Amino acid sequence: MTKSYIATPRRTTEILRTYHFTFKKSLGQNFIIDVNILKKMIEHAHIDKETGVIEVGPGIGSLTEQLAIYANKVVAFEIDDRLLPILNETLADYDNVAIIHADILKVDLNSVIEEHFADLKIIQLVSNLPYYITTPILMHILQTAPAIEKMTVMLQKEVAERMNAKPNTKDYGSLSIAVQYYTETKIVMDVPKTVFIPQPNVTSSVLVLKRREKPLVQVDDEALFFRVVKASFAHRRKTIRNNLFSHFKKTIAKEHLLQALKRAEIDESLRAEALTIEQFARLANEIGKFVSENT
């Protein structure tokens, strides 16, 4: 008898009816009903029996099941306690899956990795991420869990394009720089809204983020670097000079900011979208000299 995977319209509907499950819009719950999409996603992640996988928001286990087939072990974080008994049943045949009832943003990921993946060298995140919290989750992992070397995530197409954007494009911004500072990014496929229950209002994309051995640029103060980047994009139609003046008006004199721009060899009349991440690094390092002088 051929096994009926979770990620089919019929099986998903059966599970939802059996448990009288209703979707919570606040949790961004959209379940995938196309096994082929999930298998393609796993192919792009290059998951094998040497790999430990972390998943966020397993839902009823559609992606979790496919990951369990290919990976050594899967640890999935689910915040909705209504889904725990469902997952216990749908994934009962897979002894290499652990479900943790927790908010991944409040978990010590390094302790989880040490506990569950101690004997594995390759650890990845593979997830259909809840759209409302995609960016906080990815940044949390990038900044706190260096053992996770690759992330293959399904997310809103618009957000994927912003994370993957290059200078002088409408999608390029502080998010592009924050993500690319840590990773090499690539959009590998688009996913139509018709493969979800319920259907979201937007198209999705699968984005692969491969962690760099070291950040793309060297900065003296990482927090200041991100602050300068965010300030520079605060008002996209304003020049970088005016955005910096506005942000640092209480801490750094205008003439010092102009000096920093000059030393970094950046035209003060440019808008932030014209600057590369290397230029932002030079600028932040120069601004940092005045910050230290004022402290």
Protein backbone atom coordinates (compact mmCIF):
# COMPACT_ATOMS: atom_id res chain seq x y z
CA MET A 1 0.00 0.00 0.00
CA THR A 2 1.40 3.39 -0.99
CA LYS A 3 1.95 5.73 1.93
CA SER A 4 -0.28 8.79 1.95
CA TYR A 5 1.88 11.80 2.73
CA ILE A 6 0.57 14.60 4.93
CA ALA A 7 1.14 17.23 2.23
CA THR A 8 -1.80 16.31 0.01
CA PRO A 9 -5.19 18.04 -0.16
CA ARG A 10 -7.04 14.90 0.93
CA ARG A 11 -4.84 13.94 3.90
CA THR A 12 -4.53 17.53 5.13
CA THR A 13 -8.30 17.99 5.00
CA GLU A 14 -8.82 14.69 6.88
CA ILE A 15 -6.42 15.76 9.64
CA LEU A 16 -8.02 19.18 9.99
CA ARG A 17 -11.50 17.65 10.23
CA THR A 18 -10.47 14.95 12.69
CA TYR A 19 -9.05 17.50 15.10
CA HIS A 20 -11.58 20.25 14.35
CA PHE A 21 -8.61 22.50 13.73
CA THR A 22 -9.20 26.17 12.91
CA PHE A 23 -6.47 28.44 11.59
CA LYS A 24 -5.13 31.32 13.63
CA LYS A 25 -4.40 34.24 11.35
CA SER A 26 -2.25 35.80 14.07
CA LEU A 27 0.18 32.85 13.79
CA GLY A 28 0.42 33.01 10.00
CA GLN A 29 -0.70 29.40 9.56
CA ASN A 30 -0.72 28.18 5.95
CA PHE A 31 -0.21 24.44 5.39
CA ILE A 32 1.39 23.09 2.21
CA ILE A 33 -0.56 20.50 0.21
CA ASP A 34 1.97 19.70 -2.53
CA VAL A 35 4.63 17.06 -1.81
CA ASN A 36 6.60 17.90 -4.96
CA ILE A 37 7.16 21.48 -3.79
CA LEU A 38 8.53 20.19 -0.48
CA LYS A 39 10.82 17.66 -2.19
CA LYS A 40 12.22 20.38 -4.47
CA MET A 41 12.83 22.56 -1.43
CA ILE A 42 14.74 19.72 0.26
CA GLU A 43 16.75 19.12 -2.92
CA HIS A 44 17.87 22.75 -2.89
CA ALA A 45 18.87 22.35 0.77
CA HIS A 46 20.94 19.20 -0.05
CA ILE A 47 19.65 17.35 3.01
CA ASP A 48 21.04 13.87 3.67
CA LYS A 49 21.59 11.43 6.54
CA GLU A 50 24.58 13.46 7.73
CA THR A 51 22.33 16.48 8.32
CA GLY A 52 20.50 17.71 11.40
CA VAL A 53 17.59 20.02 10.62
CA ILE A 54 15.79 22.66 12.66
CA GLU A 55 12.28 23.61 11.56
CA VAL A 56 10.14 26.49 12.77
CA GLY A 57 6.35 26.18 12.69
CA PRO A 58 5.81 22.57 11.54
CA GLY A 59 2.01 22.95 11.53
CA ILE A 60 0.55 19.46 11.04
CA GLY A 61 3.93 18.08 9.91
CA SER A 62 3.80 18.41 6.10
CA LEU A 63 7.42 19.54 5.66
CA THR A 64 8.58 17.79 8.86
CA GLU A 65 7.62 14.41 7.43
CA GLN A 66 9.63 14.95 4.24
CA LEU A 67 12.61 16.22 6.24
CA ALA A 68 12.44 13.13 8.48
CA ILE A 69 12.71 10.90 5.42
CA TYR A 70 15.90 12.56 4.17
CA ALA A 71 17.65 13.94 7.27
CA ASN A 72 19.39 12.31 10.20
CA LYS A 73 17.25 14.14 12.75
CA VAL A 74 14.67 16.93 12.78
CA VAL A 75 13.93 19.27 15.69
CA ALA A 76 10.78 21.33 15.12
CA PHE A 77 9.63 24.31 17.21
CA GLU A 78 5.87 24.75 17.44
CA ILE A 79 4.30 27.59 19.43
CA ASP A 80 0.63 26.53 19.01
CA ASP A 81 -0.18 23.91 21.67
CA ARG A 82 -3.28 22.82 19.68
CA LEU A 83 -0.94 21.28 17.11
CA LEU A 84 1.05 19.12 19.53
CA PRO A 85 -1.39 16.15 19.66
CA ILE A 86 -1.77 16.35 15.88
CA LEU A 87 2.01 16.20 15.35
CA ASN A 88 2.30 13.31 17.81
CA GLU A 89 -0.04 11.33 15.57
CA THR A 90 1.02 12.44 12.09
CA LEU A 91 4.72 11.93 12.81
CA ALA A 92 4.36 8.79 14.97
CA ASP A 93 6.19 6.67 12.37
CA TYR A 94 9.33 8.80 12.51
CA ASP A 95 11.62 8.25 15.48
CA ASN A 96 14.09 10.89 14.29
CA VAL A 97 11.76 13.84 14.98
CA ALA A 98 11.59 15.90 18.18
CA ILE A 99 8.87 18.50 18.67
CA ILE A 100 9.63 21.35 21.07
CA HIS A 101 6.72 23.47 22.28
CA ALA A 102 8.45 26.85 22.42
CA ASP A 103 8.95 30.21 20.79
CA ILE A 104 12.24 29.93 18.91
CA LEU A 105 13.00 33.58 19.69
CA LYS A 106 13.06 32.74 23.40
CA VAL A 107 15.08 29.53 23.20
CA ASP A 108 18.81 29.02 23.73
CA LEU A 109 19.42 27.51 20.31
CA ASN A 110 23.01 26.56 21.06
CA SER A 111 21.86 24.37 23.97
CA VAL A 112 19.24 22.71 21.75
CA ILE A 113 21.86 22.03 19.08
CA GLU A 114 24.26 20.60 21.65
CA GLU A 115 21.56 18.33 23.05
CA HIS A 116 20.05 17.03 19.81
CA PHE A 117 22.83 17.27 17.22
CA ALA A 118 25.98 16.59 19.23
CA ASP A 119 27.18 13.89 16.81
CA LEU A 120 26.37 15.83 13.62
CA LYS A 121 28.60 18.33 11.83
CA ILE A 122 26.02 19.67 9.37
CA ILE A 123 23.10 21.61 10.86
CA GLN A 124 20.57 23.50 8.80
CA LEU A 125 17.31 25.37 9.14
CA VAL A 126 14.61 24.33 6.69
CA SER A 127 11.21 25.95 7.19
CA ASN A 128 8.02 27.33 5.76
CA LEU A 129 8.33 30.40 7.97
CA PRO A 130 5.32 32.27 9.36
CA TYR A 131 5.29 35.48 7.31
CA TYR A 132 4.60 37.80 10.23
CA ILE A 133 7.85 36.91 12.00
CA THR A 134 10.22 35.84 9.21
CA THR A 135 12.84 38.55 9.63
CA PRO A 136 13.17 38.36 13.46
CA ILE A 137 13.60 34.57 13.24
CA LEU A 138 16.30 34.70 10.57
CA MET A 139 18.23 37.53 12.25
CA HIS A 140 18.00 35.75 15.63
CA ILE A 141 19.52 32.61 14.12
CA LEU A 142 22.21 34.51 12.20
CA GLN A 143 23.28 36.44 15.29
CA THR A 144 23.04 33.73 17.95
CA ALA A 145 23.48 30.28 16.39
CA PRO A 146 26.66 30.09 14.28
CA ALA A 147 26.42 26.29 14.06
CA ILE A 148 23.49 26.64 11.66
CA GLU A 149 25.44 27.01 8.44
CA LYS A 150 22.64 27.07 5.91
CA MET A 151 18.98 28.11 5.84
CA THR A 152 16.47 27.10 3.18
CA VAL A 153 13.25 28.94 3.86
CA MET A 154 9.90 29.49 2.23
CA LEU A 155 8.79 33.05 2.78
CA GLN A 156 6.86 35.89 1.20
CA LYS A 157 8.29 36.59 -2.29
CA GLU A 158 8.54 40.31 -1.59
CA VAL A 159 10.66 39.69 1.53
CA ALA A 160 12.88 37.18 -0.28
CA GLU A 161 13.53 39.78 -2.99
CA ARG A 162 14.47 42.39 -0.38
CA MET A 163 16.89 40.00 1.33
CA ASN A 164 18.47 39.11 -2.02
CA ALA A 165 18.52 42.66 -3.48
CA LYS A 166 21.56 44.46 -4.88
CA PRO A 167 22.40 48.21 -4.74
CA ASN A 168 20.51 50.63 -6.97
CA THR A 169 17.33 48.55 -6.98
CA LYS A 170 13.96 49.35 -5.36
CA ASP A 171 14.17 46.28 -3.09
CA TYR A 172 17.64 47.09 -1.72
CA GLY A 173 17.61 48.32 1.86
CA SER A 174 18.80 47.76 5.42
CA LEU A 175 17.35 44.20 5.41
CA SER A 176 19.36 43.32 2.27
CA ILE A 177 22.56 44.47 3.97
CA ALA A 178 21.83 42.81 7.32
CA VAL A 179 21.20 39.42 5.69
CA GLN A 180 24.03 39.62 3.15
CA TYR A 181 26.48 40.71 5.85
CA TYR A 182 26.17 37.18 7.28
CA THR A 183 25.17 35.07 4.26
CA GLU A 184 25.27 34.46 0.54
CA THR A 185 21.67 34.55 -0.69
CA LYS A 186 19.89 32.97 -3.64
CA ILE A 187 16.22 32.73 -4.60
CA VAL A 188 15.83 29.20 -6.00
CA MET A 189 12.10 28.94 -6.75
CA ASP A 190 8.73 30.65 -6.52
CA VAL A 191 5.76 28.94 -4.91
CA PRO A 192 2.17 29.73 -6.01
CA LYS A 193 -0.43 30.46 -3.35
CA THR A 194 -2.58 27.60 -4.69
CA VAL A 195 -0.41 24.98 -2.91
CA PHE A 196 -1.44 26.19 0.56
CA ILE A 197 -4.45 25.71 2.83
CA PRO A 198 -5.68 28.36 3.43
CA GLN A 199 -4.32 30.26 0.44
CA PRO A 200 -2.24 33.31 1.41
CA ASN A 201 -2.74 36.58 -0.45
CA VAL A 202 0.79 36.54 -1.85
CA THR A 203 3.21 34.40 -3.83
CA SER A 204 6.00 32.74 -1.86
CA SER A 205 9.63 32.07 -2.71
CA VAL A 206 12.26 29.67 -1.45
CA LEU A 207 15.41 31.49 -0.41
CA VAL A 208 18.69 29.76 0.37
CA LEU A 209 21.02 31.55 2.78
CA LYS A 210 24.51 30.12 3.15
CA ARG A 211 26.45 31.47 6.12
CA ARG A 212 29.77 33.10 5.26
CA GLU A 213 32.90 31.90 7.06
CA LYS A 214 33.26 35.48 8.24
CA PRO A 215 31.05 38.55 7.68
CA LEU A 216 31.25 40.10 4.21
CA VAL A 217 32.92 43.26 5.52
CA GLN A 218 35.08 44.08 8.52
CA VAL A 219 33.60 46.63 10.88
CA ASP A 220 34.97 48.06 14.11
CA ASP A 221 31.58 48.13 15.84
CA GLU A 222 28.88 45.81 14.50
CA ALA A 223 26.04 47.50 16.39
CA LEU A 224 27.06 50.91 15.05
CA PHE A 225 27.37 49.52 11.52
CA PHE A 226 23.76 48.29 11.57
CA ARG A 227 22.65 51.54 13.18
CA VAL A 228 24.29 53.60 10.41
CA VAL A 229 22.72 51.39 7.73
CA LYS A 230 19.24 51.62 9.25
CA ALA A 231 19.54 55.38 9.72
CA SER A 232 20.69 55.85 6.14
CA PHE A 233 17.55 54.16 4.79
CA ALA A 234 15.16 55.84 7.25
CA HIS A 235 13.74 58.08 4.51
CA ARG A 236 14.53 56.59 1.12
CA ARG A 237 13.98 59.84 -0.79
CA LYS A 238 16.42 61.78 1.38
CA THR A 239 20.16 61.94 0.79
CA ILE A 240 22.44 59.95 3.03
CA ARG A 241 23.74 63.22 4.48
CA ASN A 242 20.28 64.35 5.60
CA ASN A 243 19.35 60.96 7.02
CA LEU A 244 22.56 60.86 9.07
CA PHE A 245 22.10 64.46 10.23
CA SER A 246 18.62 63.58 11.46
CA HIS A 247 19.64 60.38 13.25
CA PHE A 248 22.83 61.59 14.94
CA LYS A 249 21.76 65.21 15.63
CA LYS A 250 22.04 64.80 19.40
CA THR A 251 25.34 62.91 19.47
CA ILE A 252 27.56 63.92 16.53
CA ALA A 253 28.10 67.37 15.02
CA LYS A 254 27.16 67.87 11.36
CA GLU A 255 30.72 68.81 10.42
CA HIS A 256 31.97 65.52 11.89
CA LEU A 257 29.44 63.53 9.88
CA LEU A 258 30.52 65.39 6.74
CA GLN A 259 34.13 64.57 7.58
CA ALA A 260 33.23 60.91 8.01
CA LEU A 261 31.50 60.86 4.61
CA LYS A 262 34.53 62.51 3.01
CA ARG A 263 37.02 60.14 4.63
CA ALA A 264 34.90 57.18 3.52
CA GLU A 265 34.96 58.65 -0.03
CA ILE A 266 31.17 58.80 -0.24
CA ASP A 267 29.27 61.52 -2.11
CA GLU A 268 27.04 63.12 0.54
CA SER A 269 24.32 63.83 -2.05
CA LEU A 270 23.75 60.13 -2.80
CA ARG A 271 20.80 58.17 -1.49
CA ALA A 272 21.44 55.08 0.63
CA GLU A 273 20.32 52.66 -2.10
CA ALA A 274 23.37 53.68 -4.18
CA LEU A 275 25.88 52.51 -1.56
CA THR A 276 27.43 49.05 -1.41
CA ILE A 277 27.86 47.18 1.84
CA GLU A 278 31.61 47.90 1.62
CA GLN A 279 30.91 51.64 1.50
CA PHE A 280 28.60 51.38 4.51
CA ALA A 281 31.35 49.54 6.40
CA ARG A 282 33.86 52.32 5.66
CA LEU A 283 31.33 54.96 6.65
CA ALA A 284 30.43 53.25 9.94
CA ASN A 285 34.11 52.87 10.83
CA GLU A 286 34.70 56.58 10.18
CA ILE A 287 31.61 57.64 12.14
CA GLY A 288 32.77 55.39 14.95
CA LYS A 289 35.86 57.53 15.43
CA PHE A 290 33.66 60.51 16.33
CA VAL A 291 31.39 58.39 18.52
CA SER A 292 34.38 57.30 20.62
CA GLU A 293 35.58 60.90 20.82
CA ASN A 294 32.22 61.94 22.27
CA THR A 295 32.09 59.23 24.94
